[in-house]
Every structure is written in C-alpha cells, then in structure tokens.
Amino acid sequence: MTFRLSTTDSDFAAAFAALVDARREADEDVSRDVAAILKRVRAEGDAALADYTSRFDRHDLDVSGWAVEPAQCRKALESISTELRGALELAAARIAAYHEKQKPQDSDSVDAAGARLGARWSAVDAAGLYVPGGRAAYPSSLLMNVIPARVAGVRRIAMVTPTPDGEINPLVLAAAAIAGIEEIWRVGGAQAVAALAYGTDRIRPVDVITGPGNAWVAEAKRQLYGVVGIDMVAGPSEIVVVADGRNDPDWIAADLLSQSEHDPTSQSILFTDDAAFADAVAAAVDRRLPLLSTQAVATTSWNANGAIIVVRDLDEAMPLVDRLAAEHLELAVDDPDALFAQVRHAGSVFLGRMTPEAVGDYVAGPNHVLPTGRRARFSSGLSVLDFMKRTSFLSLDRRAIDAIGPAAVALAEAEGLPAHAASVALRLK
C-alpha cells in the first residue's frame, strides 16, 4: 500500500519529516570492505585487479583481454539498428550543444588601484569514467559523462566497466564509439575506481572520476576524494511530481514509475491538490505495474518508498518540495514557471505537462547525472565545470603595490607573521 499523506492530517508534520529523513541508501556496511580493496589495489596493482575480476566477474583478464579495442566499439556501432544509432547520435549532439554553453570565460582586468586581476580556466589532463555492467548498463549515462569532458577539453578519457562472464553490452560499446573513447578497461567495482585513482602498471591514473555505480563504487569514490576529484556520491534515484487534477492520471503514473523501475530503493512522490486525482493516479500505477518487464523492482520500490501527498493548494506544496531537494522535479501544471520561481533545491526541473523526466534521461540535452538523497541542497548536476579548474592570477606594478601593500603589511604584522610583512614592505617606497 502506497504511503498516503494530507497536509490536513493532525500528524502530518511528523509523518512528512520521517519521509524526508528516511535513509534509502544500501544497508550494507561497505566502508571497511572498500577500504581493504583500495589498499590492496594500491599495493598490488594489476594482480589485485585480475584476482577481483576472476572472483566477482567470473573471467580471466589474461584470457578475455584487459582492454576493449576501438575496432570492437566500431563493430558494435555498425551492428545496431539504424533507428537506435540515430537516437544515440541525436542524444550526443544535443548533449554537446547544451554543454558547450556551460564553458566558462577567462577574466583579465585592471582595478582602480592599478592591480591586474584575473582567472584562467583549463581542463584536467585525464578523466576516468565508470560505466556499470550487467543490469545497469546504460549507454545514455556514458554519453552524459563523456561529452562534458570532451567539451571541457580533457585530452585523455579512460573508461572502466565490469564485464560479467566476459560479456559487455553492445549498446555501451556503440555509445563509446560515438563518444570517441579509445581507452576501455574490462574491470569494475571499487577496484576499478582504485586503479583509476592510484594507477597500475597497465592503467595510468586520472585526475577526475565520474559515473554511476553500486554502493561499493560510490563508497570508493567517497574514500578517494582528495586523491582525485569526483562528480558526486550518488544514491538511489528519485522523482517528485507536482500535478493538478487536469493531468491524465496515466501520464503521471508512468512518470512516477519511470524512477521506481530503476532500483528497489528508488523513490517516487506525487504532490497534488486534488484528492480524487490522487486516487486516480494510485489506481493507474496499480494498472501499469503488471505491464512492466521491470515489475518486480518497480513494485518493491513503489510499495516501500512511493508516496502521494494531498495539499490544500500547490503553493503549499512548494516548501515541502524544497525540503525533499529531489534529484528530479516535474511541475505538471499550466503555469509551471510560477511554481518554478518558488523552487530553491532540485537537481533538474521539468516544466509543464508535456515534459516528462524520462526525456531528460536521454535526448533533451541537460545532464542526467544529478545529486540525490537531498544533496541538491548544496550540489549540482554534472557539468563541464567538473572537468575544469580555475587558476587565478595577479600582477602589480609600482603604483599598485604602493596603493594596497601597506594594508597587507598591517594585516601580516597583526597576525604575527613578520616574513609575510617583510616580503611586501621591502617592495614599498
């Protein structure tokens, strides 16, 4: 039975707080296991990778091969249908066009004191991309991670992906061909993240690691942050839909299930100001679930984590939506901009009745790698900036150092740092 709430309930505040604070991340205590894996890969390198691959993915890297050759990717691209190839190419083009507009501009100016100040942006030298294998093999995620790095100007992109029983999803290889990836390693899990961070005899280290993965992959990225940059520590998928009674209940039910089918720990929440519509959506979800090939996962997720919340009006919903700070937010109303103006915390927002979140997962252009678990309160989705860094610069002439130098000397002396003070004072008239 789906969790139902109404803001008119006497215990609404406590019940909603429990919903906001509920922990949906994997229950496994993986931190210690991941730390051991990272330590071993750092010490043993390729030997550790080979052993973990044999144990977890059931194949011998020395037999099946450590790397996927570019020719194999091109062959996979040629083998897929014209329709599917066209869809991947359309997605790639739209993602590239959107992310081109994110490229930051250098700055260089002289202020009133005569000091030249500025900043220069540059790409990292190398980026690592983790692509899940098995059930969670998504070519769309590969494009969403690689293309911003390409736009940023990253020279080397190394991809790692597990290949259970030696098999790899041909759509992933096709997407790799479209994205121009030529370095693909057949390793996965926390050990693959460690290899990208520390480097091994075969795999050179990178500067930034991005891409989705299971709890072990996420924990490895968390522990290795600082050795390398990471995109984010991602948790289960989530969607919040704000919809009035003028929507088609089947449309909204499908939108909610689009996230429920990702994982048993995913979450889908509907806010509506129409109790009858809430009932209609719940009934539509029940009708649609048996039709899904992902029925088992979607049913578990919907029953365990789904929620329908009835509000007095949609304006009342917006502060509640902000508290959830969801990965995806749909505003399925006639005037979505009026509600959007009230949104402060969301990973990505989908405006209007004709903008399902699912289109954003594939071909819209904005990145679908987004903060989850209320992290949209303080972080953003993957962008070109995740693959770049800013270097500031400063240039003073005699007039400029005479103008601002005495204040620097005073502050240095106040902080008890005489060498700091002297390095400035010696240059003053």
Protein backbone atom coordinates (compact mmCIF):
# COMPACT_ATOMS: atom_id res chain seq x y z
CA MET A 1 0.00 0.00 0.00
CA THR A 2 1.47 3.33 -1.08
CA PHE A 3 2.17 5.84 1.67
CA ARG A 4 -0.57 8.49 1.69
CA LEU A 5 -0.45 11.85 3.46
CA SER A 6 -2.52 15.01 3.59
CA THR A 7 -1.44 18.35 4.97
CA THR A 8 -4.73 18.37 6.86
CA ASP A 9 -3.72 15.29 8.88
CA SER A 10 -3.08 16.07 12.54
CA ASP A 11 0.26 14.22 12.43
CA PHE A 12 1.34 15.49 9.00
CA ALA A 13 4.41 17.39 10.22
CA ALA A 14 5.92 14.37 11.95
CA ALA A 15 4.98 11.97 9.15
CA PHE A 16 6.47 14.21 6.46
CA ALA A 17 9.64 14.75 8.50
CA ALA A 18 10.04 10.97 8.69
CA LEU A 19 9.65 10.76 4.91
CA VAL A 20 12.29 13.44 4.36
CA ASP A 21 14.75 11.85 6.77
CA ALA A 22 14.24 8.24 5.67
CA ARG A 23 17.52 6.61 4.64
CA ARG A 24 17.30 4.66 1.38
CA GLU A 25 20.96 4.04 0.68
CA ALA A 26 22.10 0.42 0.65
CA ASP A 27 22.08 -1.16 4.09
CA GLU A 28 25.41 -2.92 3.64
CA ASP A 29 28.24 -1.61 5.72
CA VAL A 30 30.67 -1.49 2.83
CA SER A 31 33.14 1.08 4.13
CA ARG A 32 35.58 -1.42 5.65
CA ASP A 33 35.46 -3.77 2.65
CA VAL A 34 36.07 -0.90 0.23
CA ALA A 35 38.99 0.41 2.29
CA ALA A 36 40.60 -3.03 2.11
CA ILE A 37 40.09 -3.21 -1.67
CA LEU A 38 41.61 0.23 -2.20
CA LYS A 39 44.62 -0.65 -0.04
CA ARG A 40 45.22 -3.88 -1.92
CA VAL A 41 44.94 -2.32 -5.39
CA ARG A 42 47.35 0.42 -4.37
CA ALA A 43 49.85 -2.19 -3.17
CA GLU A 44 49.39 -4.95 -5.77
CA GLY A 45 48.08 -3.11 -8.83
CA ASP A 46 47.14 -5.32 -11.78
CA ALA A 47 47.46 -8.55 -9.80
CA ALA A 48 44.71 -7.36 -7.45
CA LEU A 49 42.52 -6.31 -10.39
CA ALA A 50 42.92 -9.73 -12.02
CA ASP A 51 42.03 -11.54 -8.79
CA TYR A 52 38.95 -9.39 -8.05
CA THR A 53 37.75 -9.75 -11.67
CA SER A 54 38.08 -13.52 -11.50
CA ARG A 55 36.23 -13.59 -8.19
CA PHE A 56 33.40 -11.16 -8.91
CA ASP A 57 33.02 -11.18 -12.71
CA ARG A 58 33.98 -14.82 -13.31
CA HIS A 59 36.52 -14.43 -16.10
CA ASP A 60 40.29 -14.33 -16.52
CA LEU A 61 41.52 -10.97 -17.81
CA ASP A 62 44.62 -12.58 -19.29
CA VAL A 63 42.32 -14.78 -21.42
CA SER A 64 39.43 -12.47 -22.22
CA GLY A 65 41.66 -9.42 -22.55
CA TRP A 66 42.23 -6.41 -20.31
CA ALA A 67 41.10 -3.80 -22.80
CA VAL A 68 38.35 -3.37 -25.36
CA GLU A 69 39.80 -2.32 -28.69
CA PRO A 70 38.31 0.64 -30.59
CA ALA A 71 37.59 -1.67 -33.53
CA GLN A 72 35.22 -3.66 -31.31
CA CYS A 73 33.33 -0.48 -30.47
CA ARG A 74 33.04 0.49 -34.12
CA LYS A 75 31.80 -3.00 -34.96
CA ALA A 76 29.15 -2.74 -32.24
CA LEU A 77 28.02 0.63 -33.62
CA GLU A 78 27.67 -0.83 -37.10
CA SER A 79 25.66 -3.79 -35.78
CA ILE A 80 22.84 -1.86 -34.09
CA SER A 81 19.71 -0.75 -35.89
CA THR A 82 19.61 2.49 -37.87
CA GLU A 83 16.90 3.79 -35.55
CA LEU A 84 18.93 3.12 -32.41
CA ARG A 85 22.09 4.57 -33.90
CA GLY A 86 20.17 7.68 -34.90
CA ALA A 87 18.80 8.02 -31.37
CA LEU A 88 22.28 7.79 -29.85
CA GLU A 89 23.68 10.30 -32.32
CA LEU A 90 20.79 12.71 -31.68
CA ALA A 91 21.35 12.41 -27.94
CA ALA A 92 25.08 13.01 -28.34
CA ALA A 93 24.54 16.09 -30.50
CA ARG A 94 22.00 17.64 -28.12
CA ILE A 95 24.12 16.91 -25.04
CA ALA A 96 27.14 18.50 -26.71
CA ALA A 97 25.19 21.59 -27.76
CA TYR A 98 23.81 22.12 -24.26
CA HIS A 99 27.17 21.67 -22.54
CA GLU A 100 29.02 23.95 -24.99
CA LYS A 101 27.06 26.82 -23.44
CA GLN A 102 28.49 25.96 -19.99
CA LYS A 103 32.10 26.71 -20.92
CA PRO A 104 33.34 29.47 -18.61
CA GLN A 105 35.10 32.60 -19.79
CA ASP A 106 38.56 33.71 -18.66
CA SER A 107 38.76 37.11 -16.95
CA ASP A 108 41.51 39.74 -17.06
CA SER A 109 41.08 43.32 -15.82
CA VAL A 110 42.85 46.20 -14.04
CA ASP A 111 41.18 47.70 -10.97
CA ALA A 112 41.22 51.26 -9.62
CA ALA A 113 44.47 50.65 -7.68
CA GLY A 114 46.22 49.56 -10.87
CA ALA A 115 46.31 45.85 -9.96
CA ARG A 116 45.78 43.39 -12.78
CA LEU A 117 43.46 40.58 -11.64
CA GLY A 118 42.05 37.63 -13.46
CA ALA A 119 41.40 33.93 -13.79
CA ARG A 120 42.15 31.36 -16.44
CA TRP A 121 40.17 28.14 -16.92
CA SER A 122 41.76 24.89 -18.09
CA ALA A 123 40.72 21.28 -18.36
CA VAL A 124 42.12 18.48 -16.25
CA ASP A 125 44.63 16.28 -18.06
CA ALA A 126 42.76 12.99 -17.65
CA ALA A 127 39.29 11.84 -16.62
CA GLY A 128 38.10 8.39 -15.65
CA LEU A 129 34.60 7.17 -16.43
CA TYR A 130 32.91 4.33 -14.57
CA VAL A 131 30.22 2.56 -16.61
CA PRO A 132 28.16 -0.09 -14.79
CA GLY A 133 27.82 -3.57 -16.27
CA GLY A 134 25.14 -6.19 -16.00
CA ARG A 135 21.56 -4.99 -15.40
CA ALA A 136 22.56 -1.33 -15.02
CA ALA A 137 24.24 -0.91 -18.41
CA TYR A 138 23.17 2.49 -19.70
CA PRO A 139 24.68 3.91 -22.91
CA SER A 140 22.92 7.20 -22.15
CA SER A 141 24.97 7.62 -18.96
CA LEU A 142 28.16 7.07 -20.93
CA LEU A 143 27.26 9.95 -23.23
CA MET A 144 26.24 12.18 -20.30
CA ASN A 145 29.64 11.68 -18.64
CA VAL A 146 31.97 11.68 -21.63
CA ILE A 147 30.58 14.57 -23.65
CA PRO A 148 31.02 17.26 -20.94
CA ALA A 149 34.62 16.10 -20.54
CA ARG A 150 35.15 16.37 -24.30
CA VAL A 151 33.60 19.85 -24.35
CA ALA A 152 35.83 20.89 -21.44
CA GLY A 153 38.89 19.87 -23.45
CA VAL A 154 40.04 16.80 -21.48
CA ARG A 155 42.76 15.12 -23.55
CA ARG A 156 42.56 11.61 -22.12
CA ILE A 157 39.40 9.76 -21.08
CA ALA A 158 39.76 6.27 -19.62
CA MET A 159 36.65 4.14 -19.21
CA VAL A 160 36.31 1.17 -16.87
CA THR A 161 33.39 -1.25 -16.95
CA PRO A 162 32.79 -4.68 -15.43
CA THR A 163 32.15 -7.48 -17.92
CA PRO A 164 30.38 -10.31 -16.03
CA ASP A 165 31.35 -13.67 -17.54
CA GLY A 166 33.39 -11.71 -20.06
CA GLU A 167 30.31 -10.18 -21.73
CA ILE A 168 29.80 -6.47 -22.43
CA ASN A 169 26.68 -4.65 -23.54
CA PRO A 170 26.98 -3.82 -27.28
CA LEU A 171 25.00 -0.60 -26.82
CA VAL A 172 27.61 0.62 -24.37
CA LEU A 173 30.31 -0.10 -26.94
CA ALA A 174 28.28 1.67 -29.63
CA ALA A 175 27.93 4.74 -27.41
CA ALA A 176 31.66 4.61 -26.71
CA ALA A 177 32.32 4.68 -30.45
CA ILE A 178 30.06 7.71 -30.90
CA ALA A 179 31.77 9.46 -27.98
CA GLY A 180 35.21 8.65 -29.36
CA ILE A 181 36.50 6.69 -26.36
CA GLU A 182 39.57 4.65 -27.24
CA GLU A 183 40.73 3.52 -23.77
CA ILE A 184 38.35 0.98 -22.21
CA TRP A 185 39.34 -1.40 -19.42
CA ARG A 186 37.34 -4.53 -18.56
CA VAL A 187 37.42 -4.05 -14.80
CA GLY A 188 34.72 -2.86 -12.43
CA GLY A 189 33.79 -2.34 -8.81
CA ALA A 190 35.70 -0.43 -6.15
CA GLN A 191 38.89 -1.97 -7.52
CA ALA A 192 38.40 -0.21 -10.87
CA VAL A 193 37.92 3.14 -9.13
CA ALA A 194 41.12 2.50 -7.16
CA ALA A 195 43.01 1.71 -10.36
CA LEU A 196 41.89 4.99 -11.91
CA ALA A 197 42.89 6.94 -8.82
CA TYR A 198 46.23 5.32 -7.99
CA GLY A 199 47.25 3.88 -11.35
CA THR A 200 48.67 0.42 -12.06
CA ASP A 201 51.26 -0.89 -14.49
CA ARG A 202 48.58 -1.00 -17.19
CA ILE A 203 46.18 1.78 -16.22
CA ARG A 204 47.56 5.29 -15.84
CA PRO A 205 45.99 7.42 -13.09
CA VAL A 206 43.43 10.14 -13.82
CA ASP A 207 42.55 13.45 -12.20
CA VAL A 208 38.74 13.18 -12.00
CA ILE A 209 36.44 10.14 -11.78
CA THR A 210 32.77 10.31 -12.73
CA GLY A 211 29.97 7.88 -13.45
CA PRO A 212 27.33 5.87 -11.58
CA GLY A 213 27.81 2.58 -9.78
CA ASN A 214 26.66 0.41 -6.90
CA ALA A 215 27.24 1.06 -3.20
CA TRP A 216 30.85 -0.18 -3.41
CA VAL A 217 31.65 2.12 -6.32
CA ALA A 218 30.05 5.10 -4.60
CA GLU A 219 31.94 4.39 -1.38
CA ALA A 220 35.23 4.01 -3.28
CA LYS A 221 34.72 7.42 -4.88
CA ARG A 222 33.91 8.93 -1.49
CA GLN A 223 37.05 7.49 0.12
CA LEU A 224 39.27 8.52 -2.80
CA TYR A 225 38.07 12.11 -2.99
CA GLY A 226 41.16 14.20 -2.49
CA VAL A 227 43.36 11.71 -4.30
CA VAL A 228 41.19 12.51 -7.31
CA GLY A 229 38.21 14.74 -7.96
CA ILE A 230 34.80 13.09 -8.22
CA ASP A 231 31.45 14.13 -9.63
CA MET A 232 29.36 13.20 -6.56
CA VAL A 233 28.42 10.36 -4.25
CA ALA A 234 25.16 9.24 -5.81
CA GLY A 235 22.36 7.34 -4.09
CA PRO A 236 19.06 5.83 -5.25
CA SER A 237 17.10 7.62 -7.98
CA GLU A 238 14.15 9.84 -7.04
CA ILE A 239 11.39 11.92 -8.58
CA VAL A 240 8.90 14.41 -7.20
CA VAL A 241 5.89 15.28 -9.34
CA VAL A 242 3.68 18.29 -8.61
CA ALA A 243 0.45 17.89 -10.58
CA ASP A 244 -3.07 19.27 -10.55
CA GLY A 245 -6.25 17.39 -11.41
CA ARG A 246 -6.18 18.48 -15.04
CA ASN A 247 -3.47 15.92 -15.87
CA ASP A 248 -4.04 12.48 -17.34
CA PRO A 249 -3.58 10.06 -14.38
CA ASP A 250 -1.89 7.52 -16.69
CA TRP A 251 0.76 10.07 -17.69
CA ILE A 252 1.61 10.89 -14.10
CA ALA A 253 1.59 7.22 -13.09
CA ALA A 254 4.07 6.46 -15.87
CA ASP A 255 6.25 9.37 -14.73
CA LEU A 256 6.35 8.05 -11.18
CA LEU A 257 7.16 4.52 -12.31
CA SER A 258 9.96 5.79 -14.55
CA GLN A 259 12.06 6.13 -11.40
CA SER A 260 10.56 3.27 -9.40
CA GLU A 261 11.81 0.78 -12.00
CA HIS A 262 15.44 1.86 -11.52
CA ASP A 263 16.04 0.14 -8.20
CA PRO A 264 14.13 -1.22 -5.19
CA THR A 265 15.43 1.76 -3.18
CA SER A 266 14.29 4.41 -5.69
CA GLN A 267 11.62 6.88 -4.61
CA SER A 268 8.65 8.48 -6.40
CA ILE A 269 6.46 11.11 -4.75
CA LEU A 270 3.35 12.90 -6.02
CA PHE A 271 2.03 16.19 -4.66
CA THR A 272 -1.47 17.16 -5.79
CA ASP A 273 -4.24 19.48 -4.65
CA ASP A 274 -6.96 17.08 -5.88
CA ALA A 275 -7.79 14.06 -3.71
CA ALA A 276 -9.79 12.38 -6.47
CA PHE A 277 -6.85 12.78 -8.84
CA ALA A 278 -4.57 11.24 -6.20
CA ASP A 279 -6.84 8.18 -6.12
CA ALA A 280 -6.86 8.02 -9.93
CA VAL A 281 -3.06 8.10 -10.11
CA ALA A 282 -2.74 5.37 -7.47
CA ALA A 283 -5.15 3.22 -9.46
CA ALA A 284 -3.24 3.92 -12.69
CA VAL A 285 0.02 2.86 -11.05
CA ASP A 286 -1.61 -0.41 -9.98
CA ARG A 287 -2.81 -0.99 -13.54
CA ARG A 288 0.52 -0.20 -15.13
CA LEU A 289 2.81 -2.17 -12.81
CA PRO A 290 1.87 -5.65 -14.15
CA LEU A 291 2.60 -4.43 -17.70
CA LEU A 292 6.24 -3.62 -16.95
CA SER A 293 9.11 -6.03 -17.61
CA THR A 294 10.60 -4.31 -14.54
CA GLN A 295 7.50 -5.08 -12.47
CA ALA A 296 9.30 -6.75 -9.56
CA VAL A 297 11.73 -3.88 -8.97
CA ALA A 298 9.15 -1.15 -9.61
CA THR A 299 6.58 -2.75 -7.30
CA THR A 300 9.07 -3.10 -4.47
CA SER A 301 10.19 0.49 -4.88
CA TRP A 302 6.67 1.94 -5.14
CA ASN A 303 5.34 -0.01 -2.18
CA ALA A 304 8.36 0.69 0.03
CA ASN A 305 9.24 4.25 -0.93
CA GLY A 306 6.43 5.76 -3.00
CA ALA A 307 4.19 8.46 -1.56
CA ILE A 308 1.15 10.52 -2.54
CA ILE A 309 0.66 13.78 -0.67
CA VAL A 310 -2.53 15.84 -0.92
CA VAL A 311 -2.13 19.56 -0.27
CA ARG A 312 -4.67 22.38 0.07
CA ASP A 313 -3.16 24.14 -2.95
CA LEU A 314 0.02 23.74 -4.98
CA ASP A 315 1.67 26.78 -3.40
CA GLU A 316 1.50 24.88 -0.11
CA ALA A 317 3.44 22.04 -1.76
CA MET A 318 6.47 24.07 -2.75
CA PRO A 319 8.17 24.46 0.66
CA LEU A 320 7.68 20.72 1.14
CA VAL A 321 9.23 20.07 -2.26
CA ASP A 322 12.24 22.16 -1.26
CA ARG A 323 12.72 20.10 1.88
CA LEU A 324 12.96 16.95 -0.23
CA ALA A 325 15.51 18.60 -2.59
CA ALA A 326 14.83 15.88 -5.13
CA GLU A 327 17.01 14.67 -7.97
CA HIS A 328 14.15 15.20 -10.46
CA LEU A 329 11.18 17.55 -10.11
CA GLU A 330 8.24 17.69 -12.52
CA LEU A 331 5.84 20.63 -12.44
CA ALA A 332 2.87 19.33 -14.43
CA VAL A 333 0.67 22.42 -14.41
CA ASP A 334 -0.47 25.12 -16.86
CA ASP A 335 1.90 27.76 -15.47
CA PRO A 336 4.98 25.85 -14.30
CA ASP A 337 7.15 28.96 -14.17
CA ALA A 338 5.07 30.37 -11.32
CA LEU A 339 5.89 27.30 -9.23
CA PHE A 340 9.45 27.09 -10.53
CA ALA A 341 10.08 30.59 -9.16
CA GLN A 342 9.49 29.14 -5.69
CA VAL A 343 11.95 26.23 -6.12
CA ARG A 344 15.35 26.56 -4.50
CA HIS A 345 16.50 22.94 -4.21
CA ALA A 346 16.22 20.41 -7.06
CA GLY A 347 18.69 18.61 -9.28
CA SER A 348 16.77 19.20 -12.52
CA VAL A 349 13.28 20.61 -13.11
CA PHE A 350 10.87 19.59 -15.89
CA LEU A 351 8.35 22.29 -16.74
CA GLY A 352 4.82 21.63 -17.96
CA ARG A 353 2.57 18.70 -18.77
CA MET A 354 4.46 17.72 -21.93
CA THR A 355 7.90 17.45 -20.31
CA PRO A 356 8.34 14.01 -18.73
CA GLU A 357 11.53 13.45 -16.75
CA ALA A 358 12.35 10.45 -18.92
CA VAL A 359 13.06 12.62 -21.96
CA GLY A 360 15.76 14.31 -19.88
CA ASP A 361 17.39 10.94 -19.29
CA TYR A 362 18.16 10.58 -22.97
CA VAL A 363 17.92 13.31 -25.58
CA ALA A 364 16.95 16.68 -24.08
CA GLY A 365 20.50 17.93 -23.50
CA PRO A 366 20.84 18.83 -19.79
CA ASN A 367 22.86 16.28 -17.84
CA HIS A 368 21.06 13.42 -16.12
CA VAL A 369 23.87 12.84 -13.60
CA LEU A 370 22.24 14.64 -10.68
CA PRO A 371 22.50 14.93 -6.89
CA THR A 372 20.31 12.51 -4.91
CA GLY A 373 19.47 11.99 -1.25
CA ARG A 374 18.68 15.70 -0.63
CA ARG A 375 22.16 16.71 -1.86
CA ALA A 376 20.57 19.18 -4.29
CA ARG A 377 20.56 21.50 -1.25
CA PHE A 378 24.28 22.07 -1.81
CA SER A 379 25.37 20.49 -5.09
CA SER A 380 24.56 20.47 -8.80
CA GLY A 381 24.39 18.04 -11.66
CA LEU A 382 27.41 17.02 -13.70
CA SER A 383 28.69 19.80 -15.95
CA VAL A 384 31.65 20.95 -17.97
CA LEU A 385 32.99 22.62 -14.80
CA ASP A 386 33.51 19.21 -13.16
CA PHE A 387 36.32 18.63 -15.66
CA MET A 388 37.92 22.07 -15.37
CA LYS A 389 39.74 24.14 -12.78
CA ARG A 390 40.27 27.86 -12.38
CA THR A 391 43.70 29.42 -11.88
CA SER A 392 43.66 32.97 -10.58
CA PHE A 393 46.44 35.44 -11.36
CA LEU A 394 47.62 38.83 -10.09
CA SER A 395 50.07 41.40 -11.42
CA LEU A 396 51.15 44.59 -9.57
CA ASP A 397 53.24 47.49 -10.71
CA ARG A 398 54.88 50.16 -8.52
CA ARG A 399 51.68 52.21 -8.25
CA ALA A 400 49.56 49.18 -7.35
CA ILE A 401 51.81 47.74 -4.64
CA ASP A 402 52.24 51.19 -3.09
CA ALA A 403 48.43 51.52 -3.02
CA ILE A 404 47.50 48.20 -1.42
CA GLY A 405 50.80 46.95 0.08
CA PRO A 406 50.67 48.89 3.39
CA ALA A 407 47.36 47.23 4.29
CA ALA A 408 48.91 43.82 3.63
CA VAL A 409 51.86 44.71 5.90
CA ALA A 410 49.50 45.79 8.67
CA LEU A 411 47.48 42.56 8.49
CA ALA A 412 50.60 40.38 8.36
CA GLU A 413 52.02 42.07 11.46
CA ALA A 414 48.68 41.72 13.24
CA GLU A 415 48.72 38.00 12.50
CA GLY A 416 52.25 37.63 13.84
CA LEU A 417 53.84 36.73 10.50
CA PRO A 418 56.88 39.02 10.11
CA ALA A 419 58.25 37.33 6.99
CA HIS A 420 54.94 37.95 5.25
CA ALA A 421 55.12 41.61 6.27
CA ALA A 422 58.74 41.96 5.12
CA SER A 423 58.11 40.41 1.68
CA VAL A 424 55.69 43.25 0.98
CA ALA A 425 57.33 46.07 2.92
CA LEU A 426 60.68 45.65 1.16
CA ARG A 427 58.98 46.49 -2.14
CA LEU A 428 57.31 49.66 -0.87
CA LYS A 429 58.82 53.10 -1.37
